[in-house]
Amino acid sequence: MSDNKKKVCLKLENVSKVFAKVESDGVTHALQDVSTEMQSGEVVSLVGPSGCGKSTILRLVAGLITPTLGRVTVDGKEVDGPSPQRGLVFQNPTLFPWLTVEKNISFSLDMQGATVGKAEKVKHMLEITGLEKFRNDYPAQLSGGMAQLVRTLINEPEILLLDEPLGALDAFTRMNMQDEILNIWTQRRQLALMVTHSIDEAVYMGTRVLVMEANPGRIVADIKISEDFPRDRSSAGFVEYRNEILNKLHYGGKNA
């Protein structure tokens, strides 16, 4: 990350989130007393069973919902609503189908008011995503992986929130896209917070892995991944991290 690139600090401080149950008078404790801190230059993976609050954390950081207790802050300022600087990426592509790749990027920059140097920005984004030769293609002509890549990069947020962004892809495309996203992250070094159900993906892409449990949703482990990029999925270190996470999730086998 260059020295003139703004660095951000994201904090969750004693955050709890309770949802009312539609079918009864009860409540669901999606999160309970969650505290963590992360900064630019990190890729933080969230793993855990369904219902442990992973996506709830993303929505809190995105400003789509508010905590029941506690607070979420970016650089000390409380998150009180959505912001283009906290970009949330869902699993399904959201490109405009009637615009080309180049015009999708250009339109997004227009919405941000980025008129100065817009042509250079569009050119740069096409280059770093490797999509120069697809600039005049429409989203329907792109693979799912390519569409994900365009959508991920389009707003250049300071905090990139990824909610299972590669979950719809086949295994080989998914691995290729992991490398593409990491290559792009390496150039920008913003903070990325990613929900995934794949432990291999969490270890392969994450500089840290937050392991969560449900009922109520909480963080039970914060594991720093010290392997250098690019990572070797078959290395002893990689396998050791994967086994550590499996054991934290109680899926390590009878000898764990």
C-alpha atoms as a PDB file:
ATOM      1  CA  MET A   1       0.000   0.000   0.000  1.00  0.00           C
ATOM      2  CA  SER A   2       1.380   3.379  -0.927  1.00  0.00           C
ATOM      3  CA  ASP A   3       1.982   5.935   1.836  1.00  0.00           C
ATOM      4  CA  ASN A   4      -0.661   8.306   0.478  1.00  0.00           C
ATOM      5  CA  LYS A   5      -3.359   5.624   0.539  1.00  0.00           C
ATOM      6  CA  LYS A   6      -5.708   6.156   3.465  1.00  0.00           C
ATOM      7  CA  LYS A   7      -5.517   3.436   6.093  1.00  0.00           C
ATOM      8  CA  VAL A   8      -8.668   2.554   7.997  1.00  0.00           C
ATOM      9  CA  CYS A   9      -9.333   0.825  11.300  1.00  0.00           C
ATOM     10  CA  LEU A  10     -12.565  -1.109  11.788  1.00  0.00           C
ATOM     11  CA  LYS A  11     -13.720  -2.007  15.302  1.00  0.00           C
ATOM     12  CA  LEU A  12     -16.608  -4.016  16.688  1.00  0.00           C
ATOM     13  CA  GLU A  13     -16.955  -3.212  20.379  1.00  0.00           C
ATOM     14  CA  ASN A  14     -19.075  -5.548  22.537  1.00  0.00           C
ATOM     15  CA  VAL A  15     -21.583  -5.927  19.712  1.00  0.00           C
ATOM     16  CA  SER A  16     -24.774  -7.905  20.229  1.00  0.00           C
ATOM     17  CA  LYS A  17     -27.601  -8.263  17.713  1.00  0.00           C
ATOM     18  CA  VAL A  18     -31.036  -9.672  18.491  1.00  0.00           C
ATOM     19  CA  PHE A  19     -33.711 -10.399  15.893  1.00  0.00           C
ATOM     20  CA  ALA A  20     -37.373 -11.040  16.640  1.00  0.00           C
ATOM     21  CA  LYS A  21     -38.638 -14.437  15.456  1.00  0.00           C
ATOM     22  CA  VAL A  22     -41.422 -14.068  12.907  1.00  0.00           C
ATOM     23  CA  GLU A  23     -43.138 -17.321  13.828  1.00  0.00           C
ATOM     24  CA  SER A  24     -43.167 -16.748  17.614  1.00  0.00           C
ATOM     25  CA  ASP A  25     -42.763 -14.173  20.352  1.00  0.00           C
ATOM     26  CA  GLY A  26     -39.156 -15.195  20.909  1.00  0.00           C
ATOM     27  CA  VAL A  27     -35.883 -13.711  19.714  1.00  0.00           C
ATOM     28  CA  THR A  28     -32.729 -14.932  17.991  1.00  0.00           C
ATOM     29  CA  HIS A  29     -29.381 -13.898  19.452  1.00  0.00           C
ATOM     30  CA  ALA A  30     -27.504 -13.558  16.175  1.00  0.00           C
ATOM     31  CA  LEU A  31     -24.451 -12.055  17.902  1.00  0.00           C
ATOM     32  CA  GLN A  32     -23.474 -11.732  21.545  1.00  0.00           C
ATOM     33  CA  ASP A  33     -20.700  -9.525  22.902  1.00  0.00           C
ATOM     34  CA  VAL A  34     -18.506  -9.638  19.786  1.00  0.00           C
ATOM     35  CA  SER A  35     -15.341  -7.538  19.884  1.00  0.00           C
ATOM     36  CA  THR A  36     -12.617  -7.451  17.231  1.00  0.00           C
ATOM     37  CA  GLU A  37     -10.405  -4.980  15.401  1.00  0.00           C
ATOM     38  CA  MET A  38      -8.967  -5.034  11.870  1.00  0.00           C
ATOM     39  CA  GLN A  39      -7.090  -2.651   9.589  1.00  0.00           C
ATOM     40  CA  SER A  40      -6.189  -1.883   5.991  1.00  0.00           C
ATOM     41  CA  GLY A  41      -3.826  -4.453   4.550  1.00  0.00           C
ATOM     42  CA  GLU A  42      -5.689  -7.395   6.080  1.00  0.00           C
ATOM     43  CA  VAL A  43      -7.929 -10.029   4.533  1.00  0.00           C
ATOM     44  CA  VAL A  44     -10.050 -11.312   7.413  1.00  0.00           C
ATOM     45  CA  SER A  45     -11.996 -14.516   6.763  1.00  0.00           C
ATOM     46  CA  LEU A  46     -15.115 -15.343   8.794  1.00  0.00           C
ATOM     47  CA  VAL A  47     -15.908 -19.054   9.094  1.00  0.00           C
ATOM     48  CA  GLY A  48     -18.442 -20.987  11.119  1.00  0.00           C
ATOM     49  CA  PRO A  49     -21.729 -22.893  10.881  1.00  0.00           C
ATOM     50  CA  SER A  50     -24.895 -21.399   9.423  1.00  0.00           C
ATOM     51  CA  GLY A  51     -26.581 -19.088  11.896  1.00  0.00           C
ATOM     52  CA  CYS A  52     -23.406 -18.044  13.732  1.00  0.00           C
ATOM     53  CA  GLY A  53     -23.726 -14.401  12.636  1.00  0.00           C
ATOM     54  CA  LYS A  54     -21.113 -14.144   9.875  1.00  0.00           C
ATOM     55  CA  SER A  55     -23.353 -12.297   7.417  1.00  0.00           C
ATOM     56  CA  THR A  56     -24.837 -10.280  10.285  1.00  0.00           C
ATOM     57  CA  ILE A  57     -21.362  -8.881  10.950  1.00  0.00           C
ATOM     58  CA  LEU A  58     -21.016  -7.899   7.283  1.00  0.00           C
ATOM     59  CA  ARG A  59     -24.379  -6.129   7.315  1.00  0.00           C
ATOM     60  CA  LEU A  60     -23.510  -4.293  10.510  1.00  0.00           C
ATOM     61  CA  VAL A  61     -20.234  -3.072   9.014  1.00  0.00           C
ATOM     62  CA  ALA A  62     -22.031  -2.141   5.774  1.00  0.00           C
ATOM     63  CA  GLY A  63     -24.493  -0.059   7.796  1.00  0.00           C
ATOM     64  CA  LEU A  64     -27.540  -2.001   6.602  1.00  0.00           C
ATOM     65  CA  ILE A  65     -28.521  -2.870  10.184  1.00  0.00           C
ATOM     66  CA  THR A  66     -27.557  -1.482  13.598  1.00  0.00           C
ATOM     67  CA  PRO A  67     -26.354  -3.279  16.735  1.00  0.00           C
ATOM     68  CA  THR A  68     -28.760  -4.019  19.568  1.00  0.00           C
ATOM     69  CA  LEU A  69     -25.890  -3.369  21.959  1.00  0.00           C
ATOM     70  CA  GLY A  70     -22.334  -2.153  21.403  1.00  0.00           C
ATOM     71  CA  ARG A  71     -21.031  -0.241  18.433  1.00  0.00           C
ATOM     72  CA  VAL A  72     -19.268  -0.556  15.079  1.00  0.00           C
ATOM     73  CA  THR A  73     -16.757   2.152  14.196  1.00  0.00           C
ATOM     74  CA  VAL A  74     -14.485   3.049  11.290  1.00  0.00           C
ATOM     75  CA  ASP A  75     -11.588   5.279  12.378  1.00  0.00           C
ATOM     76  CA  GLY A  76     -13.467   6.021  15.582  1.00  0.00           C
ATOM     77  CA  LYS A  77     -16.649   7.174  13.821  1.00  0.00           C
ATOM     78  CA  GLU A  78     -19.748   5.108  14.462  1.00  0.00           C
ATOM     79  CA  VAL A  79     -21.258   3.396  11.425  1.00  0.00           C
ATOM     80  CA  ASP A  80     -24.775   4.814  11.067  1.00  0.00           C
ATOM     81  CA  GLY A  81     -25.689   3.850   7.507  1.00  0.00           C
ATOM     82  CA  PRO A  82     -24.387   2.625   4.152  1.00  0.00           C
ATOM     83  CA  SER A  83     -21.384   4.229   2.475  1.00  0.00           C
ATOM     84  CA  PRO A  84     -19.674   3.661  -0.892  1.00  0.00           C
ATOM     85  CA  GLN A  85     -16.442   3.315   1.100  1.00  0.00           C
ATOM     86  CA  ARG A  86     -17.805   0.090   2.611  1.00  0.00           C
ATOM     87  CA  GLY A  87     -18.652  -2.011  -0.423  1.00  0.00           C
ATOM     88  CA  LEU A  88     -20.748  -5.133   0.132  1.00  0.00           C
ATOM     89  CA  VAL A  89     -20.419  -7.841  -2.511  1.00  0.00           C
ATOM     90  CA  PHE A  90     -23.067 -10.583  -2.598  1.00  0.00           C
ATOM     91  CA  GLN A  91     -22.868 -13.950  -4.303  1.00  0.00           C
ATOM     92  CA  ASN A  92     -24.940 -13.054  -7.380  1.00  0.00           C
ATOM     93  CA  PRO A  93     -23.650 -10.537  -9.936  1.00  0.00           C
ATOM     94  CA  THR A  94     -25.341  -7.127  -9.955  1.00  0.00           C
ATOM     95  CA  LEU A  95     -23.997  -5.636 -13.158  1.00  0.00           C
ATOM     96  CA  PHE A  96     -26.399  -3.833 -15.472  1.00  0.00           C
ATOM     97  CA  PRO A  97     -27.084  -6.429 -18.196  1.00  0.00           C
ATOM     98  CA  TRP A  98     -27.709  -3.776 -20.891  1.00  0.00           C
ATOM     99  CA  LEU A  99     -24.287  -2.106 -20.409  1.00  0.00           C
ATOM    100  CA  THR A 100     -20.900  -3.394 -21.513  1.00  0.00           C
ATOM    101  CA  VAL A 101     -18.175  -4.121 -18.975  1.00  0.00           C
ATOM    102  CA  GLU A 102     -16.526  -0.786 -19.748  1.00  0.00           C
ATOM    103  CA  LYS A 103     -19.808   1.140 -19.439  1.00  0.00           C
ATOM    104  CA  ASN A 104     -20.708  -0.636 -16.170  1.00  0.00           C
ATOM    105  CA  ILE A 105     -17.449   0.625 -14.692  1.00  0.00           C
ATOM    106  CA  SER A 106     -17.921   4.093 -16.170  1.00  0.00           C
ATOM    107  CA  PHE A 107     -21.490   4.354 -14.853  1.00  0.00           C
ATOM    108  CA  SER A 108     -20.390   3.411 -11.342  1.00  0.00           C
ATOM    109  CA  LEU A 109     -17.704   6.095 -11.398  1.00  0.00           C
ATOM    110  CA  ASP A 110     -20.316   8.622 -12.576  1.00  0.00           C
ATOM    111  CA  MET A 111     -22.462   7.744  -9.551  1.00  0.00           C
ATOM    112  CA  GLN A 112     -19.469   8.499  -7.332  1.00  0.00           C
ATOM    113  CA  GLY A 113     -18.955  11.851  -9.023  1.00  0.00           C
ATOM    114  CA  ALA A 114     -15.564  10.764 -10.352  1.00  0.00           C
ATOM    115  CA  THR A 115     -15.414  12.968 -13.458  1.00  0.00           C
ATOM    116  CA  VAL A 116     -11.726  13.945 -13.249  1.00  0.00           C
ATOM    117  CA  GLY A 117      -9.508  11.269 -14.737  1.00  0.00           C
ATOM    118  CA  LYS A 118     -12.453   8.929 -15.289  1.00  0.00           C
ATOM    119  CA  ALA A 119     -11.106   7.480 -18.550  1.00  0.00           C
ATOM    120  CA  GLU A 120      -7.793   6.655 -16.868  1.00  0.00           C
ATOM    121  CA  LYS A 121      -9.612   5.016 -13.946  1.00  0.00           C
ATOM    122  CA  VAL A 122     -11.715   2.859 -16.259  1.00  0.00           C
ATOM    123  CA  LYS A 123      -8.593   1.848 -18.189  1.00  0.00           C
ATOM    124  CA  HIS A 124      -6.763   1.010 -14.952  1.00  0.00           C
ATOM    125  CA  MET A 125      -9.613  -1.148 -13.649  1.00  0.00           C
ATOM    126  CA  LEU A 126      -9.813  -3.057 -16.920  1.00  0.00           C
ATOM    127  CA  GLU A 127      -6.065  -3.645 -16.769  1.00  0.00           C
ATOM    128  CA  ILE A 128      -5.830  -4.876 -13.190  1.00  0.00           C
ATOM    129  CA  THR A 129      -8.794  -7.204 -13.660  1.00  0.00           C
ATOM    130  CA  GLY A 130      -7.367  -8.561 -16.915  1.00  0.00           C
ATOM    131  CA  LEU A 131     -10.582  -7.663 -18.748  1.00  0.00           C
ATOM    132  CA  GLU A 132      -9.246  -5.322 -21.440  1.00  0.00           C
ATOM    133  CA  LYS A 133     -10.248  -7.701 -24.237  1.00  0.00           C
ATOM    134  CA  PHE A 134     -13.750  -8.040 -22.739  1.00  0.00           C
ATOM    135  CA  ARG A 135     -14.377  -4.291 -22.405  1.00  0.00           C
ATOM    136  CA  ASN A 136     -17.145  -4.338 -25.056  1.00  0.00           C
ATOM    137  CA  ASP A 137     -18.778  -7.555 -23.827  1.00  0.00           C
ATOM    138  CA  TYR A 138     -22.046  -7.619 -21.887  1.00  0.00           C
ATOM    139  CA  PRO A 139     -22.395  -9.326 -18.487  1.00  0.00           C
ATOM    140  CA  ALA A 140     -24.233 -12.287 -20.035  1.00  0.00           C
ATOM    141  CA  GLN A 141     -21.135 -12.936 -22.162  1.00  0.00           C
ATOM    142  CA  LEU A 142     -18.838 -13.113 -19.135  1.00  0.00           C
ATOM    143  CA  SER A 143     -18.180 -16.136 -16.996  1.00  0.00           C
ATOM    144  CA  GLY A 144     -19.548 -15.946 -13.463  1.00  0.00           C
ATOM    145  CA  GLY A 145     -15.999 -15.406 -12.233  1.00  0.00           C
ATOM    146  CA  MET A 146     -15.386 -12.441 -14.513  1.00  0.00           C
ATOM    147  CA  ALA A 147     -18.668 -10.811 -13.537  1.00  0.00           C
ATOM    148  CA  GLN A 148     -17.739 -11.223  -9.879  1.00  0.00           C
ATOM    149  CA  LEU A 149     -14.389  -9.576 -10.513  1.00  0.00           C
ATOM    150  CA  VAL A 150     -15.872  -6.531 -12.237  1.00  0.00           C
ATOM    151  CA  ARG A 151     -18.461  -6.091  -9.522  1.00  0.00           C
ATOM    152  CA  THR A 152     -15.899  -6.469  -6.746  1.00  0.00           C
ATOM    153  CA  LEU A 153     -13.587  -3.767  -8.066  1.00  0.00           C
ATOM    154  CA  ILE A 154     -16.030  -1.265  -9.473  1.00  0.00           C
ATOM    155  CA  ASN A 155     -16.334   1.106  -6.478  1.00  0.00           C
ATOM    156  CA  GLU A 156     -12.807   0.804  -5.040  1.00  0.00           C
ATOM    157  CA  PRO A 157     -14.099   0.861  -1.443  1.00  0.00           C
ATOM    158  CA  GLU A 158     -11.790   1.340   1.546  1.00  0.00           C
ATOM    159  CA  ILE A 159     -13.430  -1.699   3.167  1.00  0.00           C
ATOM    160  CA  LEU A 160     -14.398  -4.584   0.916  1.00  0.00           C
ATOM    161  CA  LEU A 161     -17.142  -6.824   2.365  1.00  0.00           C
ATOM    162  CA  LEU A 162     -17.430 -10.187   0.607  1.00  0.00           C
ATOM    163  CA  ASP A 163     -20.433 -12.399   1.375  1.00  0.00           C
ATOM    164  CA  GLU A 164     -19.609 -15.791  -0.185  1.00  0.00           C
ATOM    165  CA  PRO A 165     -18.628 -14.011  -3.437  1.00  0.00           C
ATOM    166  CA  LEU A 166     -17.318 -17.165  -5.119  1.00  0.00           C
ATOM    167  CA  GLY A 167     -19.817 -19.662  -3.725  1.00  0.00           C
ATOM    168  CA  ALA A 168     -21.676 -20.104  -7.018  1.00  0.00           C
ATOM    169  CA  LEU A 169     -18.558 -21.054  -8.999  1.00  0.00           C
ATOM    170  CA  ASP A 170     -17.225 -24.510  -9.793  1.00  0.00           C
ATOM    171  CA  ALA A 171     -14.143 -25.594  -7.830  1.00  0.00           C
ATOM    172  CA  PHE A 172     -11.528 -24.831 -10.493  1.00  0.00           C
ATOM    173  CA  THR A 173     -12.967 -21.437 -11.454  1.00  0.00           C
ATOM    174  CA  ARG A 174     -13.243 -20.631  -7.766  1.00  0.00           C
ATOM    175  CA  MET A 175      -9.548 -21.310  -7.176  1.00  0.00           C
ATOM    176  CA  ASN A 176      -8.606 -19.173 -10.171  1.00  0.00           C
ATOM    177  CA  MET A 177     -10.810 -16.345  -8.922  1.00  0.00           C
ATOM    178  CA  GLN A 178      -9.246 -16.532  -5.468  1.00  0.00           C
ATOM    179  CA  ASP A 179      -5.900 -15.800  -7.128  1.00  0.00           C
ATOM    180  CA  GLU A 180      -7.369 -12.957  -9.200  1.00  0.00           C
ATOM    181  CA  ILE A 181      -8.913 -11.275  -6.165  1.00  0.00           C
ATOM    182  CA  LEU A 182      -5.682 -11.668  -4.185  1.00  0.00           C
ATOM    183  CA  ASN A 183      -3.675 -10.178  -7.065  1.00  0.00           C
ATOM    184  CA  ILE A 184      -5.954  -7.155  -7.066  1.00  0.00           C
ATOM    185  CA  TRP A 185      -5.928  -6.871  -3.271  1.00  0.00           C
ATOM    186  CA  THR A 186      -2.113  -6.955  -3.360  1.00  0.00           C
ATOM    187  CA  GLN A 187      -2.156  -3.787  -5.491  1.00  0.00           C
ATOM    188  CA  ARG A 188      -4.642  -1.871  -3.338  1.00  0.00           C
ATOM    189  CA  ARG A 189      -4.175  -3.395   0.148  1.00  0.00           C
ATOM    190  CA  GLN A 190      -7.533  -2.231   1.428  1.00  0.00           C
ATOM    191  CA  LEU A 191      -9.254  -4.037   4.290  1.00  0.00           C
ATOM    192  CA  ALA A 192     -11.211  -7.056   3.067  1.00  0.00           C
ATOM    193  CA  LEU A 193     -13.682  -8.909   5.293  1.00  0.00           C
ATOM    194  CA  MET A 194     -14.930 -12.148   3.746  1.00  0.00           C
ATOM    195  CA  VAL A 195     -17.595 -14.654   4.753  1.00  0.00           C
ATOM    196  CA  THR A 196     -16.922 -18.145   3.445  1.00  0.00           C
ATOM    197  CA  HIS A 197     -18.065 -21.682   4.213  1.00  0.00           C
ATOM    198  CA  SER A 198     -14.837 -23.052   2.723  1.00  0.00           C
ATOM    199  CA  ILE A 199     -12.064 -23.486   5.275  1.00  0.00           C
ATOM    200  CA  ASP A 200      -9.522 -23.964   2.479  1.00  0.00           C
ATOM    201  CA  GLU A 201     -10.619 -20.629   0.967  1.00  0.00           C
ATOM    202  CA  ALA A 202     -10.414 -18.921   4.368  1.00  0.00           C
ATOM    203  CA  VAL A 203      -6.824 -20.095   4.863  1.00  0.00           C
ATOM    204  CA  TYR A 204      -5.777 -19.537   1.244  1.00  0.00           C
ATOM    205  CA  MET A 205      -7.007 -15.934   1.104  1.00  0.00           C
ATOM    206  CA  GLY A 206      -6.980 -14.743   4.697  1.00  0.00           C
ATOM    207  CA  THR A 207      -4.271 -13.001   6.660  1.00  0.00           C
ATOM    208  CA  ARG A 208      -6.500 -13.829   9.652  1.00  0.00           C
ATOM    209  CA  VAL A 209      -9.343 -16.264  10.190  1.00  0.00           C
ATOM    210  CA  LEU A 210     -12.077 -15.517  12.737  1.00  0.00           C
ATOM    211  CA  VAL A 211     -13.763 -18.760  13.798  1.00  0.00           C
ATOM    212  CA  MET A 212     -17.369 -18.387  14.979  1.00  0.00           C
ATOM    213  CA  GLU A 213     -19.920 -20.525  16.795  1.00  0.00           C
ATOM    214  CA  ALA A 214     -23.698 -20.179  16.939  1.00  0.00           C
ATOM    215  CA  ASN A 215     -26.405 -19.922  19.617  1.00  0.00           C
ATOM    216  CA  PRO A 216     -25.441 -17.206  20.329  1.00  0.00           C
ATOM    217  CA  GLY A 217     -23.138 -16.034  17.529  1.00  0.00           C
ATOM    218  CA  ARG A 218     -19.664 -15.309  18.865  1.00  0.00           C
ATOM    219  CA  ILE A 219     -15.991 -15.392  17.911  1.00  0.00           C
ATOM    220  CA  VAL A 220     -14.172 -18.338  19.500  1.00  0.00           C
ATOM    221  CA  ALA A 221     -10.774 -18.015  17.806  1.00  0.00           C
ATOM    222  CA  ASP A 222      -8.722 -15.384  15.953  1.00  0.00           C
ATOM    223  CA  ILE A 223      -6.036 -17.186  13.954  1.00  0.00           C
ATOM    224  CA  LYS A 224      -3.246 -15.273  12.202  1.00  0.00           C
ATOM    225  CA  ILE A 225      -2.172 -16.939   8.949  1.00  0.00           C
ATOM    226  CA  SER A 226       1.575 -16.405   8.619  1.00  0.00           C
ATOM    227  CA  GLU A 227       2.049 -18.152   5.254  1.00  0.00           C
ATOM    228  CA  ASP A 228       3.373 -15.920   2.448  1.00  0.00           C
ATOM    229  CA  PHE A 229       1.392 -15.266  -0.741  1.00  0.00           C
ATOM    230  CA  PRO A 230       0.976 -17.044  -3.088  1.00  0.00           C
ATOM    231  CA  ARG A 231       0.108 -19.989  -0.857  1.00  0.00           C
ATOM    232  CA  ASP A 232       0.547 -23.694  -1.424  1.00  0.00           C
ATOM    233  CA  ARG A 233      -2.652 -25.583  -0.615  1.00  0.00           C
ATOM    234  CA  SER A 234      -0.685 -28.803  -0.114  1.00  0.00           C
ATOM    235  CA  SER A 235       2.021 -27.423   2.194  1.00  0.00           C
ATOM    236  CA  ALA A 236       2.382 -28.711   5.742  1.00  0.00           C
ATOM    237  CA  GLY A 237       1.719 -25.235   7.130  1.00  0.00           C
ATOM    238  CA  PHE A 238      -1.482 -24.839   5.134  1.00  0.00           C
ATOM    239  CA  VAL A 239      -2.771 -28.232   6.257  1.00  0.00           C
ATOM    240  CA  GLU A 240      -1.907 -27.402   9.861  1.00  0.00           C
ATOM    241  CA  TYR A 241      -3.962 -24.191   9.752  1.00  0.00           C
ATOM    242  CA  ARG A 242      -6.878 -26.034   8.150  1.00  0.00           C
ATOM    243  CA  ASN A 243      -6.798 -28.728  10.830  1.00  0.00           C
ATOM    244  CA  GLU A 244      -6.606 -26.124  13.595  1.00  0.00           C
ATOM    245  CA  ILE A 245      -9.754 -24.443  12.287  1.00  0.00           C
ATOM    246  CA  LEU A 246     -11.562 -27.763  11.840  1.00  0.00           C
ATOM    247  CA  ASN A 247     -10.748 -28.618  15.453  1.00  0.00           C
ATOM    248  CA  LYS A 248     -12.052 -25.239  16.650  1.00  0.00           C
ATOM    249  CA  LEU A 249     -15.291 -26.044  14.798  1.00  0.00           C
ATOM    250  CA  HIS A 250     -15.371 -29.554  16.313  1.00  0.00           C
ATOM    251  CA  TYR A 251     -14.975 -31.231  12.930  1.00  0.00           C
ATOM    252  CA  GLY A 252     -11.446 -32.450  13.489  1.00  0.00           C
ATOM    253  CA  GLY A 253     -12.348 -36.130  13.881  1.00  0.00           C
ATOM    254  CA  LYS A 254     -12.467 -38.431  16.871  1.00  0.00           C
ATOM    255  CA  ASN A 255      -8.795 -37.845  17.741  1.00  0.00           C
ATOM    256  CA  ALA A 256      -9.069 -34.039  17.746  1.00  0.00           C
END
